[in-house]
Every structure is written in C-alpha cells, then in structure tokens.
Amino acid sequence: MGDVTFRAATTADIETLHALVESAYRGASAKVGWTHEADLLDGQRTDADELSDIINDKEQTITLAFIDDELAGCVNVSNRGDGRGYLGMLTVDPQRQAGGLGRQLIEVAEQGAASGFGARVMEMTVIAQRKELIAYYERRGYVLTSETRPFPLHDPRFGDAKRDDLYFVVMEKKLS
C-alpha cells in the first residue's frame, strides 16, 4: 500500500478533497470500488461550500490520508456533545479500496473523537439499502441501533435519489 500519512484538511485542500469524495461516491468512477452509492443516487455527494464549512468548524475535523504523498482517503468527525462523536464521509479512492485504508481511517477518527472531543461513543448513519457497507461497519465493532433517520430525498445538496425509499440506519460503537 505504501507509506500512509494523516493530517487535518485545510481550505487549500478543498478542490482535491471534493474530487476524491465525488469519485468514490458518485458516477462511473465510483463503481470501480465497492462502497459507492452510484446505484442509489446521482448528483453530488458534497460541495466546496460544505467542505469549507466543516474545515472551519471547531467542532468538526476532516482527516486526510496520503499514500506516497497522494490523497487517498478522508474521514469527517463531528462533536455531537454528551460524549458522542459522529463519523461521516469515510472515503477511500476507489482504486485503493479493499487495502485496509478505510479501517485505518476509522481508527484515526475514533482516536480523534476520543482525544479531541471526549467522545465515549461514535455514531454514524448509513443508507439502509447499503447492506454490504453495514456489514463492513459491523466487522469494525459498530452495532445497529433501533433508530432510523430520514434521507433528504428532495435536497439536491445530498444527491438526486434514484428511488424514494432511502433512509438512514444509525450505528454506534463504544470507544475505549
């Protein structure tokens, strides 16, 4: 896999970060990997404004992963308060998926949430129809809760849904 280095994203990273996230979640390029949403959603996954807002928010971080100085992945962690962190936007370049980088990003995110925000529990949401991704997170110690949340079906900032039954399941993991 090469040498992996991690660092916090800055506004100077937005263009390449945006390209990475879109390539992994949407369109034909995403279908090279196994974690895409391209069969469920068209349109954008995020935009430069959202990325800038996250980067400039002291209650959130985006950690970038570089392999041999090339951006290969990222993960967003948010402080939800009351000892809860939120893991989102886990992204690995579709050409590099299934090589262990996603697992490493999850570990970095969990450590960052615990040390940076005092999180004792990490939560995430996953589109319910993405059974293989839910199983992946279960192998990483996350468990399904009974909670579900609506998917913003009619908000183009989150993509154009190809079906009208999308919703999120909530998963969580106790951090040590």
N, C-alpha and C. Protein backbone atom coordinates (compact mmCIF):
# COMPACT_ATOMS: atom_id res chain seq x y z
N MET A 1 0.83 -1.20 0.00
CA MET A 1 0.00 0.00 0.00
C MET A 1 0.86 1.25 0.00
N GLY A 2 2.07 1.19 0.49
CA GLY A 2 2.90 2.38 0.58
C GLY A 2 2.77 3.04 1.94
N ASP A 3 3.55 4.06 2.16
CA ASP A 3 3.52 4.78 3.43
C ASP A 3 2.27 5.64 3.53
N VAL A 4 1.54 5.51 4.64
CA VAL A 4 0.33 6.29 4.86
C VAL A 4 0.63 7.38 5.88
N THR A 5 0.28 8.61 5.54
CA THR A 5 0.38 9.72 6.49
C THR A 5 -0.99 10.37 6.60
N PHE A 6 -1.25 10.95 7.76
CA PHE A 6 -2.54 11.57 8.03
C PHE A 6 -2.30 13.01 8.47
N ARG A 7 -3.23 13.88 8.09
CA ARG A 7 -3.21 15.26 8.58
C ARG A 7 -4.60 15.86 8.43
N ALA A 8 -4.83 16.94 9.17
CA ALA A 8 -6.11 17.64 9.10
C ALA A 8 -6.21 18.40 7.78
N ALA A 9 -7.39 18.42 7.22
CA ALA A 9 -7.64 19.17 5.98
C ALA A 9 -7.63 20.67 6.27
N THR A 10 -7.20 21.43 5.27
CA THR A 10 -7.27 22.88 5.31
C THR A 10 -8.06 23.34 4.10
N THR A 11 -8.38 24.62 4.07
CA THR A 11 -9.14 25.13 2.92
C THR A 11 -8.35 24.97 1.61
N ALA A 12 -7.04 24.90 1.68
CA ALA A 12 -6.23 24.69 0.47
C ALA A 12 -6.47 23.30 -0.14
N ASP A 13 -7.04 22.38 0.64
CA ASP A 13 -7.29 21.01 0.17
C ASP A 13 -8.64 20.82 -0.48
N ILE A 14 -9.50 21.83 -0.45
CA ILE A 14 -10.91 21.63 -0.83
C ILE A 14 -11.06 21.09 -2.24
N GLU A 15 -10.36 21.61 -3.20
CA GLU A 15 -10.55 21.15 -4.59
C GLU A 15 -10.22 19.66 -4.74
N THR A 16 -9.07 19.22 -4.25
CA THR A 16 -8.70 17.81 -4.39
C THR A 16 -9.55 16.92 -3.49
N LEU A 17 -9.91 17.42 -2.32
CA LEU A 17 -10.77 16.67 -1.42
C LEU A 17 -12.14 16.45 -2.05
N HIS A 18 -12.70 17.50 -2.61
CA HIS A 18 -14.01 17.40 -3.27
C HIS A 18 -13.95 16.36 -4.40
N ALA A 19 -12.92 16.42 -5.21
CA ALA A 19 -12.78 15.47 -6.32
C ALA A 19 -12.70 14.04 -5.80
N LEU A 20 -11.97 13.83 -4.73
CA LEU A 20 -11.85 12.48 -4.16
C LEU A 20 -13.21 11.97 -3.69
N VAL A 21 -13.93 12.77 -2.92
CA VAL A 21 -15.22 12.34 -2.37
C VAL A 21 -16.20 12.02 -3.50
N GLU A 22 -16.29 12.89 -4.47
CA GLU A 22 -17.22 12.64 -5.58
C GLU A 22 -16.84 11.38 -6.35
N SER A 23 -15.55 11.14 -6.56
CA SER A 23 -15.10 9.97 -7.32
C SER A 23 -15.43 8.67 -6.60
N ALA A 24 -15.49 8.71 -5.27
CA ALA A 24 -15.73 7.50 -4.51
C ALA A 24 -17.22 7.21 -4.28
N TYR A 25 -18.05 8.24 -4.33
CA TYR A 25 -19.47 8.06 -4.01
C TYR A 25 -20.39 8.07 -5.23
N ARG A 26 -20.06 8.79 -6.26
CA ARG A 26 -20.99 9.00 -7.36
C ARG A 26 -20.37 8.71 -8.72
N GLY A 27 -21.23 8.37 -9.67
CA GLY A 27 -20.83 8.25 -11.06
C GLY A 27 -20.06 6.98 -11.36
N ALA A 28 -19.60 6.89 -12.60
CA ALA A 28 -18.92 5.69 -13.10
C ALA A 28 -17.63 5.42 -12.35
N SER A 29 -16.89 6.47 -11.98
CA SER A 29 -15.62 6.25 -11.29
C SER A 29 -15.84 5.55 -9.96
N ALA A 30 -16.94 5.82 -9.30
CA ALA A 30 -17.23 5.20 -8.01
C ALA A 30 -17.44 3.70 -8.13
N LYS A 31 -17.97 3.25 -9.26
CA LYS A 31 -18.29 1.84 -9.44
C LYS A 31 -17.05 0.96 -9.51
N VAL A 32 -15.88 1.56 -9.63
CA VAL A 32 -14.63 0.80 -9.58
C VAL A 32 -14.47 0.19 -8.19
N GLY A 33 -14.90 0.92 -7.17
CA GLY A 33 -14.82 0.45 -5.78
C GLY A 33 -16.11 -0.23 -5.37
N TRP A 34 -16.13 -0.73 -4.14
CA TRP A 34 -17.31 -1.45 -3.68
C TRP A 34 -18.19 -0.62 -2.75
N THR A 35 -17.76 0.57 -2.34
CA THR A 35 -18.51 1.31 -1.33
C THR A 35 -19.35 2.45 -1.89
N HIS A 36 -19.56 2.47 -3.17
CA HIS A 36 -20.24 3.60 -3.81
C HIS A 36 -21.75 3.62 -3.55
N GLU A 37 -22.32 4.79 -3.82
CA GLU A 37 -23.77 4.98 -3.75
C GLU A 37 -24.37 5.21 -5.14
N ALA A 38 -23.56 4.98 -6.17
CA ALA A 38 -23.96 5.35 -7.53
C ALA A 38 -25.22 4.63 -8.01
N ASP A 39 -25.54 3.48 -7.45
CA ASP A 39 -26.77 2.79 -7.85
C ASP A 39 -28.01 3.36 -7.17
N LEU A 40 -27.79 4.16 -6.12
CA LEU A 40 -28.91 4.73 -5.37
C LEU A 40 -29.10 6.22 -5.61
N LEU A 41 -28.00 6.90 -5.94
CA LEU A 41 -28.03 8.37 -6.05
C LEU A 41 -27.19 8.85 -7.22
N ASP A 42 -27.68 9.88 -7.87
CA ASP A 42 -26.90 10.65 -8.84
C ASP A 42 -26.59 11.98 -8.20
N GLY A 43 -25.97 12.87 -8.97
CA GLY A 43 -25.71 14.21 -8.46
C GLY A 43 -24.52 14.22 -7.51
N GLN A 44 -24.44 15.25 -6.74
CA GLN A 44 -23.28 15.46 -5.88
C GLN A 44 -23.40 14.73 -4.55
N ARG A 45 -22.26 14.43 -3.93
CA ARG A 45 -22.22 13.91 -2.56
C ARG A 45 -21.99 15.07 -1.59
N THR A 46 -21.19 16.05 -2.03
CA THR A 46 -20.89 17.21 -1.23
C THR A 46 -20.53 18.35 -2.17
N ASP A 47 -20.19 19.49 -1.63
CA ASP A 47 -19.72 20.60 -2.46
C ASP A 47 -18.66 21.38 -1.71
N ALA A 48 -18.03 22.29 -2.40
CA ALA A 48 -16.92 23.06 -1.81
C ALA A 48 -17.38 23.87 -0.61
N ASP A 49 -18.59 24.41 -0.65
CA ASP A 49 -19.10 25.19 0.49
C ASP A 49 -19.24 24.33 1.74
N GLU A 50 -19.80 23.13 1.59
CA GLU A 50 -19.95 22.25 2.75
C GLU A 50 -18.59 21.87 3.30
N LEU A 51 -17.65 21.52 2.43
CA LEU A 51 -16.31 21.15 2.88
C LEU A 51 -15.65 22.31 3.62
N SER A 52 -15.80 23.51 3.10
CA SER A 52 -15.23 24.69 3.76
C SER A 52 -15.87 24.91 5.13
N ASP A 53 -17.19 24.74 5.21
CA ASP A 53 -17.88 24.89 6.50
C ASP A 53 -17.36 23.88 7.52
N ILE A 54 -17.15 22.65 7.10
CA ILE A 54 -16.65 21.62 8.01
C ILE A 54 -15.24 21.95 8.47
N ILE A 55 -14.38 22.31 7.53
CA ILE A 55 -12.98 22.61 7.85
C ILE A 55 -12.88 23.79 8.82
N ASN A 56 -13.76 24.74 8.69
CA ASN A 56 -13.72 25.94 9.54
C ASN A 56 -14.51 25.82 10.84
N ASP A 57 -15.12 24.67 11.09
CA ASP A 57 -15.93 24.45 12.28
C ASP A 57 -15.07 23.77 13.35
N LYS A 58 -14.90 24.42 14.49
CA LYS A 58 -14.04 23.87 15.55
C LYS A 58 -14.62 22.59 16.16
N GLU A 59 -15.87 22.28 15.89
CA GLU A 59 -16.50 21.07 16.41
C GLU A 59 -16.42 19.91 15.41
N GLN A 60 -15.66 20.09 14.32
CA GLN A 60 -15.51 19.05 13.30
C GLN A 60 -14.08 19.02 12.79
N THR A 61 -13.70 17.87 12.26
CA THR A 61 -12.42 17.75 11.57
C THR A 61 -12.61 16.87 10.35
N ILE A 62 -11.80 17.11 9.36
CA ILE A 62 -11.66 16.16 8.25
C ILE A 62 -10.20 15.75 8.26
N THR A 63 -9.97 14.47 8.43
CA THR A 63 -8.62 13.94 8.39
C THR A 63 -8.37 13.38 7.00
N LEU A 64 -7.25 13.77 6.42
CA LEU A 64 -6.85 13.30 5.10
C LEU A 64 -5.82 12.20 5.25
N ALA A 65 -5.87 11.21 4.37
CA ALA A 65 -4.87 10.14 4.31
C ALA A 65 -4.14 10.24 2.98
N PHE A 66 -2.84 10.24 3.07
CA PHE A 66 -1.99 10.29 1.88
C PHE A 66 -1.18 9.00 1.79
N ILE A 67 -1.10 8.46 0.61
CA ILE A 67 -0.22 7.32 0.34
C ILE A 67 0.80 7.81 -0.67
N ASP A 68 2.06 7.76 -0.26
CA ASP A 68 3.15 8.27 -1.10
C ASP A 68 2.84 9.67 -1.61
N ASP A 69 2.38 10.53 -0.70
CA ASP A 69 2.09 11.94 -0.97
C ASP A 69 0.89 12.19 -1.89
N GLU A 70 0.09 11.16 -2.15
CA GLU A 70 -1.12 11.32 -2.98
C GLU A 70 -2.35 11.15 -2.09
N LEU A 71 -3.32 12.07 -2.20
CA LEU A 71 -4.54 11.98 -1.41
C LEU A 71 -5.27 10.69 -1.77
N ALA A 72 -5.49 9.84 -0.75
CA ALA A 72 -6.08 8.53 -0.98
C ALA A 72 -7.36 8.31 -0.19
N GLY A 73 -7.62 9.15 0.82
CA GLY A 73 -8.81 8.95 1.63
C GLY A 73 -9.04 10.08 2.60
N CYS A 74 -10.21 10.05 3.23
CA CYS A 74 -10.55 11.06 4.24
C CYS A 74 -11.66 10.53 5.13
N VAL A 75 -11.83 11.21 6.26
CA VAL A 75 -12.93 10.92 7.16
C VAL A 75 -13.26 12.19 7.93
N ASN A 76 -14.55 12.41 8.17
CA ASN A 76 -15.04 13.56 8.91
C ASN A 76 -15.51 13.09 10.29
N VAL A 77 -15.11 13.82 11.32
CA VAL A 77 -15.57 13.55 12.68
C VAL A 77 -16.19 14.83 13.22
N SER A 78 -17.36 14.69 13.84
CA SER A 78 -18.07 15.82 14.45
C SER A 78 -18.28 15.54 15.92
N ASN A 79 -18.25 16.59 16.70
CA ASN A 79 -18.57 16.51 18.12
C ASN A 79 -20.07 16.70 18.28
N ARG A 80 -20.77 15.68 18.75
CA ARG A 80 -22.21 15.76 18.95
C ARG A 80 -22.56 16.13 20.39
N GLY A 81 -21.54 16.29 21.24
CA GLY A 81 -21.80 16.62 22.64
C GLY A 81 -22.18 15.40 23.45
N ASP A 82 -22.24 15.57 24.76
CA ASP A 82 -22.62 14.48 25.66
C ASP A 82 -21.80 13.22 25.44
N GLY A 83 -20.51 13.36 25.10
CA GLY A 83 -19.64 12.20 24.92
C GLY A 83 -19.86 11.44 23.64
N ARG A 84 -20.52 12.07 22.66
CA ARG A 84 -20.79 11.39 21.38
C ARG A 84 -20.05 12.07 20.25
N GLY A 85 -19.39 11.25 19.43
CA GLY A 85 -18.80 11.71 18.19
C GLY A 85 -19.61 11.16 17.03
N TYR A 86 -19.43 11.76 15.87
CA TYR A 86 -20.12 11.29 14.67
C TYR A 86 -19.09 11.10 13.58
N LEU A 87 -19.07 9.92 12.98
CA LEU A 87 -18.16 9.59 11.89
C LEU A 87 -18.92 9.70 10.58
N GLY A 88 -18.39 10.46 9.64
CA GLY A 88 -19.04 10.61 8.34
C GLY A 88 -18.03 10.78 7.23
N MET A 89 -18.52 10.75 6.03
CA MET A 89 -17.74 10.99 4.83
C MET A 89 -16.47 10.14 4.75
N LEU A 90 -16.56 8.89 5.26
CA LEU A 90 -15.43 7.99 5.12
C LEU A 90 -15.25 7.71 3.64
N THR A 91 -14.09 8.04 3.13
CA THR A 91 -13.83 7.96 1.69
C THR A 91 -12.47 7.35 1.45
N VAL A 92 -12.43 6.38 0.54
CA VAL A 92 -11.17 5.82 0.06
C VAL A 92 -11.24 5.84 -1.46
N ASP A 93 -10.16 6.32 -2.07
CA ASP A 93 -10.05 6.32 -3.53
C ASP A 93 -10.50 4.95 -4.05
N PRO A 94 -11.44 4.91 -5.01
CA PRO A 94 -11.94 3.62 -5.50
C PRO A 94 -10.83 2.68 -5.98
N GLN A 95 -9.74 3.22 -6.48
CA GLN A 95 -8.63 2.38 -6.95
C GLN A 95 -7.86 1.75 -5.78
N ARG A 96 -8.07 2.25 -4.57
CA ARG A 96 -7.31 1.78 -3.41
C ARG A 96 -8.19 1.08 -2.37
N GLN A 97 -9.46 0.84 -2.69
CA GLN A 97 -10.35 0.19 -1.73
C GLN A 97 -9.97 -1.27 -1.55
N ALA A 98 -10.34 -1.81 -0.39
CA ALA A 98 -10.07 -3.20 0.00
C ALA A 98 -8.60 -3.41 0.35
N GLY A 99 -7.88 -2.33 0.65
CA GLY A 99 -6.48 -2.45 1.03
C GLY A 99 -6.21 -2.11 2.48
N GLY A 100 -7.25 -1.82 3.28
CA GLY A 100 -7.07 -1.54 4.70
C GLY A 100 -7.06 -0.07 5.07
N LEU A 101 -7.10 0.82 4.09
CA LEU A 101 -7.06 2.25 4.41
C LEU A 101 -8.33 2.70 5.13
N GLY A 102 -9.48 2.18 4.75
CA GLY A 102 -10.72 2.54 5.43
C GLY A 102 -10.67 2.19 6.90
N ARG A 103 -10.16 1.01 7.22
CA ARG A 103 -10.02 0.59 8.62
C ARG A 103 -9.10 1.55 9.36
N GLN A 104 -7.99 1.94 8.73
CA GLN A 104 -7.07 2.88 9.37
C GLN A 104 -7.73 4.23 9.60
N LEU A 105 -8.50 4.71 8.63
CA LEU A 105 -9.19 5.99 8.79
C LEU A 105 -10.21 5.94 9.93
N ILE A 106 -10.92 4.82 10.05
CA ILE A 106 -11.88 4.67 11.15
C ILE A 106 -11.14 4.74 12.49
N GLU A 107 -10.02 4.05 12.59
CA GLU A 107 -9.25 4.07 13.85
C GLU A 107 -8.76 5.48 14.17
N VAL A 108 -8.26 6.21 13.18
CA VAL A 108 -7.81 7.58 13.39
C VAL A 108 -8.99 8.46 13.83
N ALA A 109 -10.15 8.26 13.19
CA ALA A 109 -11.34 9.03 13.54
C ALA A 109 -11.78 8.75 14.98
N GLU A 110 -11.79 7.48 15.35
CA GLU A 110 -12.20 7.12 16.71
C GLU A 110 -11.24 7.71 17.74
N GLN A 111 -9.95 7.61 17.49
CA GLN A 111 -8.97 8.18 18.41
C GLN A 111 -9.12 9.69 18.49
N GLY A 112 -9.34 10.34 17.35
CA GLY A 112 -9.51 11.79 17.32
C GLY A 112 -10.76 12.25 18.05
N ALA A 113 -11.84 11.49 17.91
CA ALA A 113 -13.08 11.84 18.60
C ALA A 113 -12.91 11.70 20.11
N ALA A 114 -12.21 10.66 20.53
CA ALA A 114 -12.00 10.44 21.96
C ALA A 114 -11.08 11.51 22.55
N SER A 115 -9.95 11.76 21.89
CA SER A 115 -8.98 12.70 22.45
C SER A 115 -9.38 14.16 22.21
N GLY A 116 -9.97 14.46 21.08
CA GLY A 116 -10.29 15.84 20.75
C GLY A 116 -11.62 16.33 21.28
N PHE A 117 -12.60 15.42 21.38
CA PHE A 117 -13.94 15.82 21.79
C PHE A 117 -14.42 15.11 23.05
N GLY A 118 -13.60 14.23 23.60
CA GLY A 118 -14.02 13.47 24.78
C GLY A 118 -15.12 12.47 24.49
N ALA A 119 -15.20 12.01 23.24
CA ALA A 119 -16.25 11.07 22.86
C ALA A 119 -16.02 9.71 23.50
N ARG A 120 -17.08 9.14 24.03
CA ARG A 120 -17.07 7.78 24.55
C ARG A 120 -17.84 6.83 23.63
N VAL A 121 -18.63 7.42 22.72
CA VAL A 121 -19.41 6.65 21.75
C VAL A 121 -19.26 7.34 20.39
N MET A 122 -19.06 6.54 19.36
CA MET A 122 -19.02 7.06 17.99
C MET A 122 -20.29 6.58 17.31
N GLU A 123 -20.94 7.49 16.61
CA GLU A 123 -22.17 7.15 15.89
C GLU A 123 -21.96 7.47 14.41
N MET A 124 -22.76 6.81 13.60
CA MET A 124 -22.77 7.09 12.16
C MET A 124 -24.13 6.73 11.61
N THR A 125 -24.41 7.25 10.44
CA THR A 125 -25.62 6.84 9.72
C THR A 125 -25.20 6.23 8.39
N VAL A 126 -25.93 5.21 7.98
CA VAL A 126 -25.66 4.52 6.72
C VAL A 126 -27.00 4.36 6.02
N ILE A 127 -27.01 4.56 4.72
CA ILE A 127 -28.24 4.32 3.96
C ILE A 127 -28.64 2.86 4.14
N ALA A 128 -29.86 2.62 4.57
CA ALA A 128 -30.32 1.28 4.95
C ALA A 128 -30.14 0.25 3.84
N GLN A 129 -30.25 0.67 2.59
CA GLN A 129 -30.15 -0.27 1.47
C GLN A 129 -28.70 -0.72 1.19
N ARG A 130 -27.73 -0.15 1.89
CA ARG A 130 -26.32 -0.49 1.66
C ARG A 130 -25.87 -1.59 2.63
N LYS A 131 -26.42 -2.76 2.43
CA LYS A 131 -26.21 -3.89 3.34
C LYS A 131 -24.74 -4.26 3.46
N GLU A 132 -23.99 -4.24 2.36
CA GLU A 132 -22.58 -4.62 2.42
C GLU A 132 -21.76 -3.62 3.23
N LEU A 133 -22.15 -2.36 3.20
CA LEU A 133 -21.44 -1.35 3.98
C LEU A 133 -21.80 -1.48 5.46
N ILE A 134 -23.04 -1.77 5.76
CA ILE A 134 -23.45 -2.01 7.14
C ILE A 134 -22.66 -3.20 7.71
N ALA A 135 -22.53 -4.25 6.93
CA ALA A 135 -21.76 -5.43 7.37
C ALA A 135 -20.29 -5.06 7.61
N TYR A 136 -19.73 -4.21 6.77
CA TYR A 136 -18.35 -3.75 6.94
C TYR A 136 -18.19 -3.05 8.29
N TYR A 137 -19.10 -2.14 8.59
CA TYR A 137 -19.01 -1.42 9.87
C TYR A 137 -19.25 -2.36 11.06
N GLU A 138 -20.11 -3.34 10.90
CA GLU A 138 -20.31 -4.31 11.97
C GLU A 138 -19.01 -5.07 12.24
N ARG A 139 -18.26 -5.39 11.19
CA ARG A 139 -16.96 -6.06 11.39
C ARG A 139 -15.96 -5.15 12.10
N ARG A 140 -16.21 -3.85 12.09
CA ARG A 140 -15.35 -2.88 12.78
C ARG A 140 -15.86 -2.56 14.18
N GLY A 141 -16.87 -3.30 14.65
CA GLY A 141 -17.35 -3.12 16.02
C GLY A 141 -18.58 -2.24 16.18
N TYR A 142 -19.13 -1.74 15.08
CA TYR A 142 -20.33 -0.90 15.15
C TYR A 142 -21.56 -1.81 15.19
N VAL A 143 -22.57 -1.36 15.92
CA VAL A 143 -23.82 -2.14 16.02
C VAL A 143 -24.98 -1.25 15.56
N LEU A 144 -25.95 -1.90 14.96
CA LEU A 144 -27.17 -1.19 14.58
C LEU A 144 -27.96 -0.84 15.83
N THR A 145 -28.45 0.37 15.87
CA THR A 145 -29.39 0.75 16.92
C THR A 145 -30.79 0.58 16.34
N SER A 146 -31.79 0.83 17.11
CA SER A 146 -33.16 0.75 16.58
C SER A 146 -33.57 2.06 15.90
N GLU A 147 -32.69 3.06 15.95
CA GLU A 147 -33.02 4.38 15.41
C GLU A 147 -32.82 4.44 13.89
N THR A 148 -33.73 5.11 13.23
CA THR A 148 -33.58 5.43 11.81
C THR A 148 -33.77 6.94 11.66
N ARG A 149 -33.25 7.46 10.55
CA ARG A 149 -33.40 8.88 10.26
C ARG A 149 -33.77 9.03 8.79
N PRO A 150 -34.54 10.07 8.47
CA PRO A 150 -34.94 10.25 7.08
C PRO A 150 -33.76 10.67 6.20
N PHE A 151 -33.79 10.25 4.96
CA PHE A 151 -32.82 10.71 3.98
C PHE A 151 -33.41 11.96 3.32
N PRO A 152 -32.60 13.00 3.11
CA PRO A 152 -33.12 14.22 2.48
C PRO A 152 -33.35 14.02 0.98
N LEU A 153 -34.42 13.31 0.65
CA LEU A 153 -34.70 12.90 -0.72
C LEU A 153 -34.82 14.05 -1.71
N HIS A 154 -35.28 15.18 -1.26
CA HIS A 154 -35.56 16.27 -2.19
C HIS A 154 -34.61 17.44 -2.03
N ASP A 155 -33.44 17.19 -1.44
CA ASP A 155 -32.41 18.21 -1.28
C ASP A 155 -31.23 17.86 -2.18
N PRO A 156 -31.08 18.57 -3.31
CA PRO A 156 -30.03 18.22 -4.27
C PRO A 156 -28.61 18.35 -3.71
N ARG A 157 -28.44 19.02 -2.57
CA ARG A 157 -27.11 19.08 -1.97
C ARG A 157 -26.62 17.70 -1.56
N PHE A 158 -27.55 16.76 -1.37
CA PHE A 158 -27.19 15.41 -0.94
C PHE A 158 -27.30 14.40 -2.07
N GLY A 159 -27.58 14.86 -3.27
CA GLY A 159 -27.70 13.98 -4.42
C GLY A 159 -29.14 13.86 -4.89
N ASP A 160 -29.27 13.24 -6.03
CA ASP A 160 -30.58 13.00 -6.63
C ASP A 160 -30.92 11.53 -6.46
N ALA A 161 -31.87 11.25 -5.60
CA ALA A 161 -32.24 9.87 -5.29
C ALA A 161 -32.84 9.18 -6.51
N LYS A 162 -32.41 7.95 -6.76
CA LYS A 162 -32.95 7.14 -7.84
C LYS A 162 -34.16 6.33 -7.39
N ARG A 163 -34.45 6.37 -6.08
CA ARG A 163 -35.60 5.67 -5.52
C ARG A 163 -36.09 6.47 -4.33
N ASP A 164 -37.34 6.27 -3.97
CA ASP A 164 -37.93 7.12 -2.93
C ASP A 164 -38.03 6.46 -1.57
N ASP A 165 -37.37 5.32 -1.39
CA ASP A 165 -37.47 4.61 -0.11
C ASP A 165 -36.17 4.67 0.69
N LEU A 166 -35.27 5.59 0.35
CA LEU A 166 -34.00 5.69 1.07
C LEU A 166 -34.21 6.27 2.46
N TYR A 167 -33.50 5.72 3.42
CA TYR A 167 -33.46 6.27 4.78
C TYR A 167 -32.16 5.80 5.41
N PHE A 168 -31.81 6.40 6.54
CA PHE A 168 -30.59 6.04 7.25
C PHE A 168 -30.89 5.13 8.43
N VAL A 169 -30.00 4.19 8.67
CA VAL A 169 -29.96 3.47 9.93
C VAL A 169 -28.83 4.09 10.75
N VAL A 170 -28.97 4.04 12.06
CA VAL A 170 -27.95 4.59 12.95
C VAL A 170 -27.16 3.44 13.55
N MET A 171 -25.84 3.58 13.48
CA MET A 171 -24.93 2.59 14.06
C MET A 171 -24.08 3.31 15.10
N GLU A 172 -23.62 2.55 16.09
CA GLU A 172 -22.74 3.17 17.09
C GLU A 172 -21.75 2.14 17.62
N LYS A 173 -20.69 2.70 18.24
CA LYS A 173 -19.65 1.88 18.84
C LYS A 173 -19.15 2.59 20.08
N LYS A 174 -19.01 1.84 21.17
CA LYS A 174 -18.41 2.39 22.38
C LYS A 174 -16.91 2.52 22.16
N LEU A 175 -16.36 3.66 22.52
CA LEU A 175 -14.93 3.89 22.39
C LEU A 175 -14.26 3.62 23.74
N SER A 176 -13.05 3.06 23.68
CA SER A 176 -12.38 2.77 24.95
C SER A 176 -11.41 3.86 25.33
